[in-house]
PDB file of all heavy atoms in Angstrom:
ATOM      1  N   PRO A   1      37.875 -40.000 -12.804  1.00  0.00           N
ATOM      2  CA  PRO A   1      38.569 -38.736 -12.467  1.00  0.00           C
ATOM      3  C   PRO A   1      39.798 -38.985 -11.474  1.00  0.00           C
ATOM      4  O   PRO A   1      39.624 -39.687 -10.517  1.00  0.00           O
ATOM      5  CB  PRO A   1      37.579 -37.827 -11.898  1.00  0.00           C
ATOM      6  CG  PRO A   1      36.532 -38.770 -11.312  1.00  0.00           C
ATOM      7  CD  PRO A   1      36.615 -40.013 -12.099  1.00  0.00           C
ATOM      8  N   VAL A   2      40.896 -38.346 -11.805  1.00  0.00           N
ATOM      9  CA  VAL A   2      42.011 -38.292 -10.869  1.00  0.00           C
ATOM     10  C   VAL A   2      42.226 -36.885 -10.506  1.00  0.00           C
ATOM     11  O   VAL A   2      42.424 -36.059 -11.415  1.00  0.00           O
ATOM     12  CB  VAL A   2      43.249 -38.909 -11.530  1.00  0.00           C
ATOM     13  CG1 VAL A   2      44.491 -38.835 -10.669  1.00  0.00           C
ATOM     14  CG2 VAL A   2      43.059 -40.370 -12.010  1.00  0.00           C
ATOM     15  N   TYR A   3      42.187 -36.542  -9.222  1.00  0.00           N
ATOM     16  CA  TYR A   3      42.275 -35.215  -8.836  1.00  0.00           C
ATOM     17  C   TYR A   3      43.673 -34.773  -8.297  1.00  0.00           C
ATOM     18  O   TYR A   3      44.286 -35.597  -7.582  1.00  0.00           O
ATOM     19  CB  TYR A   3      41.276 -34.912  -7.696  1.00  0.00           C
ATOM     20  CG  TYR A   3      39.842 -35.166  -8.028  1.00  0.00           C
ATOM     21  CD1 TYR A   3      39.287 -36.452  -7.813  1.00  0.00           C
ATOM     22  CD2 TYR A   3      39.089 -34.200  -8.594  1.00  0.00           C
ATOM     23  CE1 TYR A   3      37.898 -36.608  -8.126  1.00  0.00           C
ATOM     24  CE2 TYR A   3      37.814 -34.409  -9.038  1.00  0.00           C
ATOM     25  CZ  TYR A   3      37.227 -35.625  -8.777  1.00  0.00           C
ATOM     26  OH  TYR A   3      35.926 -35.855  -9.144  1.00  0.00           O
ATOM     27  N   THR A   4      44.117 -33.627  -8.804  1.00  0.00           N
ATOM     28  CA  THR A   4      45.356 -33.117  -8.227  1.00  0.00           C
ATOM     29  C   THR A   4      44.992 -31.695  -7.766  1.00  0.00           C
ATOM     30  O   THR A   4      43.807 -31.276  -7.930  1.00  0.00           O
ATOM     31  CB  THR A   4      46.481 -32.913  -9.352  1.00  0.00           C
ATOM     32  OG1 THR A   4      46.106 -31.864 -10.226  1.00  0.00           O
ATOM     33  CG2 THR A   4      46.671 -34.230 -10.086  1.00  0.00           C
ATOM     34  N   SER A   5      45.944 -31.051  -7.155  1.00  0.00           N
ATOM     35  CA  SER A   5      45.624 -29.664  -6.683  1.00  0.00           C
ATOM     36  C   SER A   5      45.260 -28.675  -7.753  1.00  0.00           C
ATOM     37  O   SER A   5      44.532 -27.735  -7.550  1.00  0.00           O
ATOM     38  CB  SER A   5      46.756 -29.114  -5.801  1.00  0.00           C
ATOM     39  OG  SER A   5      47.967 -29.008  -6.700  1.00  0.00           O
ATOM     40  N   GLN A   6      45.760 -28.928  -8.940  1.00  0.00           N
ATOM     41  CA  GLN A   6      45.551 -28.093 -10.070  1.00  0.00           C
ATOM     42  C   GLN A   6      44.644 -28.580 -11.141  1.00  0.00           C
ATOM     43  O   GLN A   6      43.944 -27.795 -11.832  1.00  0.00           O
ATOM     44  CB  GLN A   6      46.881 -27.716 -10.710  1.00  0.00           C
ATOM     45  CG  GLN A   6      46.862 -26.586 -11.676  1.00  0.00           C
ATOM     46  CD  GLN A   6      48.356 -26.241 -12.044  1.00  0.00           C
ATOM     47  OE1 GLN A   6      49.238 -26.941 -11.855  1.00  0.00           O
ATOM     48  NE2 GLN A   6      48.495 -25.022 -12.681  1.00  0.00           N
ATOM     49  N   TRP A   7      44.507 -29.877 -11.259  1.00  0.00           N
ATOM     50  CA  TRP A   7      43.864 -30.520 -12.451  1.00  0.00           C
ATOM     51  C   TRP A   7      42.868 -31.548 -12.016  1.00  0.00           C
ATOM     52  O   TRP A   7      43.005 -32.154 -10.984  1.00  0.00           O
ATOM     53  CB  TRP A   7      44.811 -31.075 -13.441  1.00  0.00           C
ATOM     54  CG  TRP A   7      45.869 -30.153 -13.935  1.00  0.00           C
ATOM     55  CD1 TRP A   7      47.180 -30.202 -13.467  1.00  0.00           C
ATOM     56  CD2 TRP A   7      45.802 -29.068 -14.764  1.00  0.00           C
ATOM     57  NE1 TRP A   7      47.948 -29.199 -14.091  1.00  0.00           N
ATOM     58  CE2 TRP A   7      47.034 -28.422 -14.892  1.00  0.00           C
ATOM     59  CE3 TRP A   7      44.688 -28.521 -15.447  1.00  0.00           C
ATOM     60  CZ2 TRP A   7      47.289 -27.376 -15.616  1.00  0.00           C
ATOM     61  CZ3 TRP A   7      44.971 -27.367 -16.299  1.00  0.00           C
ATOM     62  CH2 TRP A   7      46.278 -26.843 -16.372  1.00  0.00           C
ATOM     63  N   VAL A   8      41.917 -31.835 -12.952  1.00  0.00           N
ATOM     64  CA  VAL A   8      41.108 -33.082 -12.916  1.00  0.00           C
ATOM     65  C   VAL A   8      41.483 -33.830 -14.191  1.00  0.00           C
ATOM     66  O   VAL A   8      41.419 -33.243 -15.228  1.00  0.00           O
ATOM     67  CB  VAL A   8      39.651 -32.783 -12.773  1.00  0.00           C
ATOM     68  CG1 VAL A   8      38.905 -34.183 -12.879  1.00  0.00           C
ATOM     69  CG2 VAL A   8      39.273 -32.011 -11.605  1.00  0.00           C
ATOM     70  N   ILE A   9      42.007 -34.969 -13.982  1.00  0.00           N
ATOM     71  CA  ILE A   9      42.459 -35.816 -15.173  1.00  0.00           C
ATOM     72  C   ILE A   9      41.578 -36.998 -15.356  1.00  0.00           C
ATOM     73  O   ILE A   9      41.358 -37.774 -14.384  1.00  0.00           O
ATOM     74  CB  ILE A   9      43.932 -36.294 -14.928  1.00  0.00           C
ATOM     75  CG1 ILE A   9      44.849 -35.041 -14.743  1.00  0.00           C
ATOM     76  CG2 ILE A   9      44.405 -37.078 -16.097  1.00  0.00           C
ATOM     77  CD1 ILE A   9      46.251 -35.435 -14.259  1.00  0.00           C
ATOM     78  N   LEU A  10      40.895 -37.058 -16.483  1.00  0.00           N
ATOM     79  CA  LEU A  10      39.992 -38.181 -16.739  1.00  0.00           C
ATOM     80  C   LEU A  10      40.675 -39.256 -17.527  1.00  0.00           C
ATOM     81  O   LEU A  10      41.292 -39.011 -18.556  1.00  0.00           O
ATOM     82  CB  LEU A  10      38.745 -37.690 -17.555  1.00  0.00           C
ATOM     83  CG  LEU A  10      37.955 -36.639 -16.886  1.00  0.00           C
ATOM     84  CD1 LEU A  10      36.815 -36.276 -17.773  1.00  0.00           C
ATOM     85  CD2 LEU A  10      37.460 -36.928 -15.507  1.00  0.00           C
ATOM     86  N   VAL A  11      40.663 -40.490 -17.026  1.00  0.00           N
ATOM     87  CA  VAL A  11      41.386 -41.636 -17.598  1.00  0.00           C
ATOM     88  C   VAL A  11      40.329 -42.785 -17.734  1.00  0.00           C
ATOM     89  O   VAL A  11      39.238 -42.720 -17.150  1.00  0.00           O
ATOM     90  CB  VAL A  11      42.519 -42.103 -16.797  1.00  0.00           C
ATOM     91  CG1 VAL A  11      43.620 -41.052 -16.760  1.00  0.00           C
ATOM     92  CG2 VAL A  11      42.172 -42.520 -15.402  1.00  0.00           C
ATOM     93  N   ASN A  12      40.761 -43.801 -18.513  1.00  0.00           N
ATOM     94  CA  ASN A  12      39.868 -44.962 -18.654  1.00  0.00           C
ATOM     95  C   ASN A  12      39.934 -45.751 -17.391  1.00  0.00           C
ATOM     96  O   ASN A  12      40.971 -46.141 -16.916  1.00  0.00           O
ATOM     97  CB  ASN A  12      40.460 -45.827 -19.866  1.00  0.00           C
ATOM     98  CG  ASN A  12      39.574 -46.991 -20.086  1.00  0.00           C
ATOM     99  OD1 ASN A  12      39.084 -47.651 -19.227  1.00  0.00           O
ATOM    100  ND2 ASN A  12      39.451 -47.320 -21.430  1.00  0.00           N
ATOM    101  N   GLU A  13      38.780 -45.964 -16.784  1.00  0.00           N
ATOM    102  CA  GLU A  13      38.659 -46.624 -15.511  1.00  0.00           C
ATOM    103  C   GLU A  13      39.273 -48.015 -15.540  1.00  0.00           C
ATOM    104  O   GLU A  13      39.827 -48.542 -14.532  1.00  0.00           O
ATOM    105  CB  GLU A  13      37.139 -46.802 -15.177  1.00  0.00           C
ATOM    106  CG  GLU A  13      36.861 -47.426 -13.891  1.00  0.00           C
ATOM    107  CD  GLU A  13      35.352 -47.481 -13.561  1.00  0.00           C
ATOM    108  OE1 GLU A  13      34.715 -48.432 -14.094  1.00  0.00           O
ATOM    109  OE2 GLU A  13      34.867 -46.538 -12.934  1.00  0.00           O
ATOM    110  N   GLU A  14      39.259 -48.744 -16.702  1.00  0.00           N
ATOM    111  CA  GLU A  14      39.783 -50.060 -16.798  1.00  0.00           C
ATOM    112  C   GLU A  14      41.119 -50.079 -17.543  1.00  0.00           C
ATOM    113  O   GLU A  14      41.511 -51.176 -17.987  1.00  0.00           O
ATOM    114  CB  GLU A  14      38.805 -50.968 -17.489  1.00  0.00           C
ATOM    115  CG  GLU A  14      37.515 -51.073 -16.696  1.00  0.00           C
ATOM    116  CD  GLU A  14      36.369 -51.929 -17.384  1.00  0.00           C
ATOM    117  OE1 GLU A  14      36.376 -51.917 -18.657  1.00  0.00           O
ATOM    118  OE2 GLU A  14      35.661 -52.561 -16.676  1.00  0.00           O
ATOM    119  N   GLY A  15      41.804 -49.025 -17.598  1.00  0.00           N
ATOM    120  CA  GLY A  15      43.014 -48.857 -18.365  1.00  0.00           C
ATOM    121  C   GLY A  15      44.048 -49.867 -17.988  1.00  0.00           C
ATOM    122  O   GLY A  15      44.721 -50.438 -18.805  1.00  0.00           O
ATOM    123  N   HIS A  16      44.311 -50.074 -16.678  1.00  0.00           N
ATOM    124  CA  HIS A  16      45.292 -51.040 -16.216  1.00  0.00           C
ATOM    125  C   HIS A  16      44.933 -52.481 -16.616  1.00  0.00           C
ATOM    126  O   HIS A  16      45.716 -53.267 -16.967  1.00  0.00           O
ATOM    127  CB  HIS A  16      45.574 -50.885 -14.709  1.00  0.00           C
ATOM    128  CG  HIS A  16      46.301 -49.652 -14.343  1.00  0.00           C
ATOM    129  ND1 HIS A  16      47.660 -49.494 -14.621  1.00  0.00           N
ATOM    130  CD2 HIS A  16      45.939 -48.473 -13.833  1.00  0.00           C
ATOM    131  CE1 HIS A  16      48.026 -48.276 -14.193  1.00  0.00           C
ATOM    132  NE2 HIS A  16      47.029 -47.684 -13.721  1.00  0.00           N
ATOM    133  N   LEU A  17      43.597 -52.793 -16.376  1.00  0.00           N
ATOM    134  CA  LEU A  17      43.136 -54.146 -16.723  1.00  0.00           C
ATOM    135  C   LEU A  17      43.270 -54.403 -18.233  1.00  0.00           C
ATOM    136  O   LEU A  17      43.479 -55.565 -18.575  1.00  0.00           O
ATOM    137  CB  LEU A  17      41.657 -54.282 -16.295  1.00  0.00           C
ATOM    138  CG  LEU A  17      41.398 -54.170 -14.814  1.00  0.00           C
ATOM    139  CD1 LEU A  17      39.895 -54.150 -14.555  1.00  0.00           C
ATOM    140  CD2 LEU A  17      42.060 -55.337 -14.088  1.00  0.00           C
ATOM    141  N   GLN A  18      43.125 -53.385 -19.064  1.00  0.00           N
ATOM    142  CA  GLN A  18      43.179 -53.555 -20.481  1.00  0.00           C
ATOM    143  C   GLN A  18      44.656 -53.380 -20.990  1.00  0.00           C
ATOM    144  O   GLN A  18      44.856 -53.385 -22.216  1.00  0.00           O
ATOM    145  CB  GLN A  18      42.271 -52.459 -21.184  1.00  0.00           C
ATOM    146  CG  GLN A  18      40.851 -52.600 -20.903  1.00  0.00           C
ATOM    147  CD  GLN A  18      39.986 -51.540 -21.460  1.00  0.00           C
ATOM    148  OE1 GLN A  18      40.469 -50.545 -22.124  1.00  0.00           O
ATOM    149  NE2 GLN A  18      38.720 -51.582 -21.282  1.00  0.00           N
ATOM    150  N   ASN A  19      45.553 -53.262 -20.090  1.00  0.00           N
ATOM    151  CA  ASN A  19      47.014 -53.122 -20.409  1.00  0.00           C
ATOM    152  C   ASN A  19      47.250 -51.992 -21.388  1.00  0.00           C
ATOM    153  O   ASN A  19      48.072 -52.120 -22.378  1.00  0.00           O
ATOM    154  CB  ASN A  19      47.539 -54.434 -21.023  1.00  0.00           C
ATOM    155  CG  ASN A  19      47.638 -55.427 -19.947  1.00  0.00           C
ATOM    156  OD1 ASN A  19      48.069 -55.216 -18.815  1.00  0.00           O
ATOM    157  ND2 ASN A  19      47.202 -56.634 -20.272  1.00  0.00           N
ATOM    158  N   LEU A  20      46.599 -50.840 -21.213  1.00  0.00           N
ATOM    159  CA  LEU A  20      46.741 -49.678 -22.049  1.00  0.00           C
ATOM    160  C   LEU A  20      48.209 -49.184 -21.718  1.00  0.00           C
ATOM    161  O   LEU A  20      48.751 -49.334 -20.680  1.00  0.00           O
ATOM    162  CB  LEU A  20      45.757 -48.578 -21.727  1.00  0.00           C
ATOM    163  CG  LEU A  20      44.347 -48.898 -22.064  1.00  0.00           C
ATOM    164  CD1 LEU A  20      43.416 -47.755 -21.658  1.00  0.00           C
ATOM    165  CD2 LEU A  20      44.173 -49.227 -23.519  1.00  0.00           C
ATOM    166  N   PRO A  21      48.769 -48.480 -22.771  1.00  0.00           N
ATOM    167  CA  PRO A  21      50.196 -48.031 -22.627  1.00  0.00           C
ATOM    168  C   PRO A  21      50.329 -46.851 -21.663  1.00  0.00           C
ATOM    169  O   PRO A  21      49.380 -46.093 -21.373  1.00  0.00           O
ATOM    170  CB  PRO A  21      50.513 -47.524 -24.060  1.00  0.00           C
ATOM    171  CG  PRO A  21      49.260 -47.268 -24.738  1.00  0.00           C
ATOM    172  CD  PRO A  21      48.243 -48.177 -24.117  1.00  0.00           C
ATOM    173  N   LEU A  22      51.466 -46.786 -21.044  1.00  0.00           N
ATOM    174  CA  LEU A  22      51.807 -45.759 -20.056  1.00  0.00           C
ATOM    175  C   LEU A  22      51.660 -44.367 -20.698  1.00  0.00           C
ATOM    176  O   LEU A  22      52.080 -44.165 -21.824  1.00  0.00           O
ATOM    177  CB  LEU A  22      53.224 -45.928 -19.461  1.00  0.00           C
ATOM    178  CG  LEU A  22      53.760 -44.868 -18.609  1.00  0.00           C
ATOM    179  CD1 LEU A  22      53.010 -44.859 -17.281  1.00  0.00           C
ATOM    180  CD2 LEU A  22      55.241 -45.070 -18.393  1.00  0.00           C
ATOM    181  N   ASN A  23      51.036 -43.489 -19.954  1.00  0.00           N
ATOM    182  CA  ASN A  23      50.917 -42.085 -20.416  1.00  0.00           C
ATOM    183  C   ASN A  23      51.906 -41.306 -19.558  1.00  0.00           C
ATOM    184  O   ASN A  23      51.553 -40.868 -18.440  1.00  0.00           O
ATOM    185  CB  ASN A  23      49.496 -41.547 -20.324  1.00  0.00           C
ATOM    186  CG  ASN A  23      49.286 -40.183 -21.032  1.00  0.00           C
ATOM    187  OD1 ASN A  23      50.165 -39.343 -20.956  1.00  0.00           O
ATOM    188  ND2 ASN A  23      48.174 -40.027 -21.671  1.00  0.00           N
ATOM    189  N   ILE A  24      53.048 -41.098 -20.092  1.00  0.00           N
ATOM    190  CA  ILE A  24      54.187 -40.378 -19.321  1.00  0.00           C
ATOM    191  C   ILE A  24      53.803 -39.019 -18.901  1.00  0.00           C
ATOM    192  O   ILE A  24      54.070 -38.580 -17.798  1.00  0.00           O
ATOM    193  CB  ILE A  24      55.494 -40.470 -20.102  1.00  0.00           C
ATOM    194  CG1 ILE A  24      55.898 -41.948 -20.299  1.00  0.00           C
ATOM    195  CG2 ILE A  24      56.587 -39.602 -19.434  1.00  0.00           C
ATOM    196  CD1 ILE A  24      57.037 -42.074 -21.335  1.00  0.00           C
ATOM    197  N   GLU A  25      53.226 -38.246 -19.789  1.00  0.00           N
ATOM    198  CA  GLU A  25      52.969 -36.860 -19.451  1.00  0.00           C
ATOM    199  C   GLU A  25      51.894 -36.695 -18.400  1.00  0.00           C
ATOM    200  O   GLU A  25      52.142 -35.934 -17.435  1.00  0.00           O
ATOM    201  CB  GLU A  25      52.455 -36.102 -20.725  1.00  0.00           C
ATOM    202  CG  GLU A  25      52.413 -34.592 -20.490  1.00  0.00           C
ATOM    203  CD  GLU A  25      52.212 -33.831 -21.784  1.00  0.00           C
ATOM    204  OE1 GLU A  25      52.407 -34.303 -22.861  1.00  0.00           O
ATOM    205  OE2 GLU A  25      51.740 -32.624 -21.583  1.00  0.00           O
ATOM    206  N   VAL A  26      50.825 -37.357 -18.423  1.00  0.00           N
ATOM    207  CA  VAL A  26      49.819 -37.200 -17.385  1.00  0.00           C
ATOM    208  C   VAL A  26      50.261 -37.894 -16.103  1.00  0.00           C
ATOM    209  O   VAL A  26      49.909 -37.434 -14.978  1.00  0.00           O
ATOM    210  CB  VAL A  26      48.426 -37.722 -17.783  1.00  0.00           C
ATOM    211  CG1 VAL A  26      47.852 -36.834 -18.857  1.00  0.00           C
ATOM    212  CG2 VAL A  26      48.432 -39.157 -18.137  1.00  0.00           C
ATOM    213  N   SER A  27      51.059 -38.928 -16.130  1.00  0.00           N
ATOM    214  CA  SER A  27      51.620 -39.550 -14.950  1.00  0.00           C
ATOM    215  C   SER A  27      52.520 -38.531 -14.227  1.00  0.00           C
ATOM    216  O   SER A  27      52.493 -38.392 -12.993  1.00  0.00           O
ATOM    217  CB  SER A  27      52.520 -40.743 -15.301  1.00  0.00           C
ATOM    218  OG  SER A  27      51.623 -41.763 -15.817  1.00  0.00           O
ATOM    219  N   ALA A  28      53.312 -37.759 -14.965  1.00  0.00           N
ATOM    220  CA  ALA A  28      54.116 -36.720 -14.397  1.00  0.00           C
ATOM    221  C   ALA A  28      53.286 -35.599 -13.769  1.00  0.00           C
ATOM    222  O   ALA A  28      53.660 -34.990 -12.688  1.00  0.00           O
ATOM    223  CB  ALA A  28      55.108 -36.137 -15.439  1.00  0.00           C
ATOM    224  N   LEU A  29      52.181 -35.292 -14.444  1.00  0.00           N
ATOM    225  CA  LEU A  29      51.240 -34.223 -13.812  1.00  0.00           C
ATOM    226  C   LEU A  29      50.666 -34.566 -12.526  1.00  0.00           C
ATOM    227  O   LEU A  29      50.545 -33.694 -11.619  1.00  0.00           O
ATOM    228  CB  LEU A  29      50.103 -34.010 -14.825  1.00  0.00           C
ATOM    229  CG  LEU A  29      50.286 -33.121 -16.003  1.00  0.00           C
ATOM    230  CD1 LEU A  29      49.041 -33.075 -16.866  1.00  0.00           C
ATOM    231  CD2 LEU A  29      50.683 -31.697 -15.597  1.00  0.00           C
ATOM    232  N   CYS A  30      50.398 -35.804 -12.262  1.00  0.00           N
ATOM    233  CA  CYS A  30      49.747 -36.172 -11.012  1.00  0.00           C
ATOM    234  C   CYS A  30      50.629 -36.946 -10.070  1.00  0.00           C
ATOM    235  O   CYS A  30      50.124 -37.250  -8.927  1.00  0.00           O
ATOM    236  CB  CYS A  30      48.426 -36.865 -11.274  1.00  0.00           C
ATOM    237  SG  CYS A  30      48.593 -38.505 -11.947  1.00  0.00           S
ATOM    238  N   GLY A  31      51.716 -37.428 -10.460  1.00  0.00           N
ATOM    239  CA  GLY A  31      52.666 -38.109  -9.500  1.00  0.00           C
ATOM    240  C   GLY A  31      52.294 -39.573  -9.304  1.00  0.00           C
ATOM    241  O   GLY A  31      52.628 -40.152  -8.272  1.00  0.00           O
ATOM    242  N   ARG A  32      51.492 -40.164 -10.216  1.00  0.00           N
ATOM    243  CA  ARG A  32      51.252 -41.582 -10.125  1.00  0.00           C
ATOM    244  C   ARG A  32      51.087 -42.116 -11.529  1.00  0.00           C
ATOM    245  O   ARG A  32      50.940 -41.412 -12.515  1.00  0.00           O
ATOM    246  CB  ARG A  32      49.986 -41.844  -9.267  1.00  0.00           C
ATOM    247  CG  ARG A  32      48.663 -41.362  -9.939  1.00  0.00           C
ATOM    248  CD  ARG A  32      47.469 -41.665  -9.041  1.00  0.00           C
ATOM    249  NE  ARG A  32      46.596 -42.702  -9.606  1.00  0.00           N
ATOM    250  CZ  ARG A  32      45.355 -42.762  -9.339  1.00  0.00           C
ATOM    251  NH1 ARG A  32      44.766 -41.960  -8.445  1.00  0.00           N
ATOM    252  NH2 ARG A  32      44.574 -43.716  -9.855  1.00  0.00           N
ATOM    253  N   VAL A  33      51.124 -43.428 -11.562  1.00  0.00           N
ATOM    254  CA  VAL A  33      51.192 -44.071 -12.959  1.00  0.00           C
ATOM    255  C   VAL A  33      49.725 -44.071 -13.520  1.00  0.00           C
ATOM    256  O   VAL A  33      48.803 -44.605 -12.926  1.00  0.00           O
ATOM    257  CB  VAL A  33      51.698 -45.528 -12.864  1.00  0.00           C
ATOM    258  CG1 VAL A  33      51.562 -46.239 -14.194  1.00  0.00           C
ATOM    259  CG2 VAL A  33      53.144 -45.524 -12.322  1.00  0.00           C
ATOM    260  N   LEU A  34      49.612 -43.451 -14.733  1.00  0.00           N
ATOM    261  CA  LEU A  34      48.346 -43.458 -15.408  1.00  0.00           C
ATOM    262  C   LEU A  34      48.614 -44.047 -16.865  1.00  0.00           C
ATOM    263  O   LEU A  34      49.638 -43.753 -17.398  1.00  0.00           O
ATOM    264  CB  LEU A  34      47.740 -42.008 -15.559  1.00  0.00           C
ATOM    265  CG  LEU A  34      47.399 -41.367 -14.235  1.00  0.00           C
ATOM    266  CD1 LEU A  34      46.910 -39.965 -14.489  1.00  0.00           C
ATOM    267  CD2 LEU A  34      46.315 -42.170 -13.468  1.00  0.00           C
ATOM    268  N   VAL A  35      47.564 -44.681 -17.320  1.00  0.00           N
ATOM    269  CA  VAL A  35      47.741 -45.345 -18.631  1.00  0.00           C
ATOM    270  C   VAL A  35      46.661 -44.861 -19.608  1.00  0.00           C
ATOM    271  O   VAL A  35      45.615 -44.405 -19.214  1.00  0.00           O
ATOM    272  CB  VAL A  35      47.699 -46.844 -18.598  1.00  0.00           C
ATOM    273  CG1 VAL A  35      48.873 -47.344 -17.647  1.00  0.00           C
ATOM    274  CG2 VAL A  35      46.463 -47.336 -17.959  1.00  0.00           C
ATOM    275  N   GLY A  36      46.923 -44.960 -20.866  1.00  0.00           N
ATOM    276  CA  GLY A  36      45.935 -44.629 -21.896  1.00  0.00           C
ATOM    277  C   GLY A  36      45.810 -43.127 -22.112  1.00  0.00           C
ATOM    278  O   GLY A  36      46.531 -42.300 -21.570  1.00  0.00           O
ATOM    279  N   ASP A  37      44.873 -42.805 -23.054  1.00  0.00           N
ATOM    280  CA  ASP A  37      44.604 -41.352 -23.303  1.00  0.00           C
ATOM    281  C   ASP A  37      43.914 -40.751 -22.136  1.00  0.00           C
ATOM    282  O   ASP A  37      43.189 -41.407 -21.428  1.00  0.00           O
ATOM    283  CB  ASP A  37      43.781 -41.321 -24.579  1.00  0.00           C
ATOM    284  CG  ASP A  37      44.430 -41.845 -25.839  1.00  0.00           C
ATOM    285  OD1 ASP A  37      45.701 -41.986 -25.824  1.00  0.00           O
ATOM    286  OD2 ASP A  37      43.768 -42.163 -26.798  1.00  0.00           O
ATOM    287  N   ALA A  38      44.219 -39.402 -21.956  1.00  0.00           N
ATOM    288  CA  ALA A  38      43.610 -38.755 -20.784  1.00  0.00           C
ATOM    289  C   ALA A  38      43.148 -37.363 -21.164  1.00  0.00           C
ATOM    290  O   ALA A  38      43.708 -36.707 -22.060  1.00  0.00           O
ATOM    291  CB  ALA A  38      44.682 -38.631 -19.647  1.00  0.00           C
ATOM    292  N   LEU A  39      42.058 -36.902 -20.541  1.00  0.00           N
ATOM    293  CA  LEU A  39      41.642 -35.523 -20.653  1.00  0.00           C
ATOM    294  C   LEU A  39      42.024 -34.701 -19.404  1.00  0.00           C
ATOM    295  O   LEU A  39      41.811 -35.228 -18.249  1.00  0.00           O
ATOM    296  CB  LEU A  39      40.061 -35.437 -20.767  1.00  0.00           C
ATOM    297  CG  LEU A  39      39.447 -35.878 -22.082  1.00  0.00           C
ATOM    298  CD1 LEU A  39      37.948 -35.986 -21.932  1.00  0.00           C
ATOM    299  CD2 LEU A  39      39.698 -34.797 -23.118  1.00  0.00           C
ATOM    300  N   VAL A  40      42.650 -33.605 -19.615  1.00  0.00           N
ATOM    301  CA  VAL A  40      43.069 -32.805 -18.473  1.00  0.00           C
ATOM    302  C   VAL A  40      42.249 -31.452 -18.544  1.00  0.00           C
ATOM    303  O   VAL A  40      42.169 -30.818 -19.566  1.00  0.00           O
ATOM    304  CB  VAL A  40      44.596 -32.441 -18.626  1.00  0.00           C
ATOM    305  CG1 VAL A  40      45.036 -31.598 -17.510  1.00  0.00           C
ATOM    306  CG2 VAL A  40      45.390 -33.741 -18.722  1.00  0.00           C
ATOM    307  N   MET A  41      41.683 -31.214 -17.373  1.00  0.00           N
ATOM    308  CA  MET A  41      40.847 -29.992 -17.279  1.00  0.00           C
ATOM    309  C   MET A  41      41.034 -29.367 -15.902  1.00  0.00           C
ATOM    310  O   MET A  41      41.568 -30.087 -14.983  1.00  0.00           O
ATOM    311  CB  MET A  41      39.426 -30.247 -17.521  1.00  0.00           C
ATOM    312  CG  MET A  41      38.786 -31.283 -16.709  1.00  0.00           C
ATOM    313  SD  MET A  41      37.052 -31.701 -17.065  1.00  0.00           S
ATOM    314  CE  MET A  41      37.262 -32.469 -18.690  1.00  0.00           C
ATOM    315  N   THR A  42      40.604 -28.107 -15.840  1.00  0.00           N
ATOM    316  CA  THR A  42      40.658 -27.503 -14.445  1.00  0.00           C
ATOM    317  C   THR A  42      39.517 -27.938 -13.585  1.00  0.00           C
ATOM    318  O   THR A  42      38.512 -28.544 -14.119  1.00  0.00           O
ATOM    319  CB  THR A  42      40.615 -25.955 -14.592  1.00  0.00           C
ATOM    320  OG1 THR A  42      39.305 -25.604 -15.140  1.00  0.00           O
ATOM    321  CG2 THR A  42      41.698 -25.414 -15.508  1.00  0.00           C
TER     322      THR A  42
END
């Protein structure tokens, strides 16, 4: 889980190690680089 003030974003824990592709939209939501598919919830 990656926590922001508005969202909890679930990503693959090993995404960077697995060289998953950049997820531009969720990276913009939380202000940090996130990779792979992500679940966004309140």
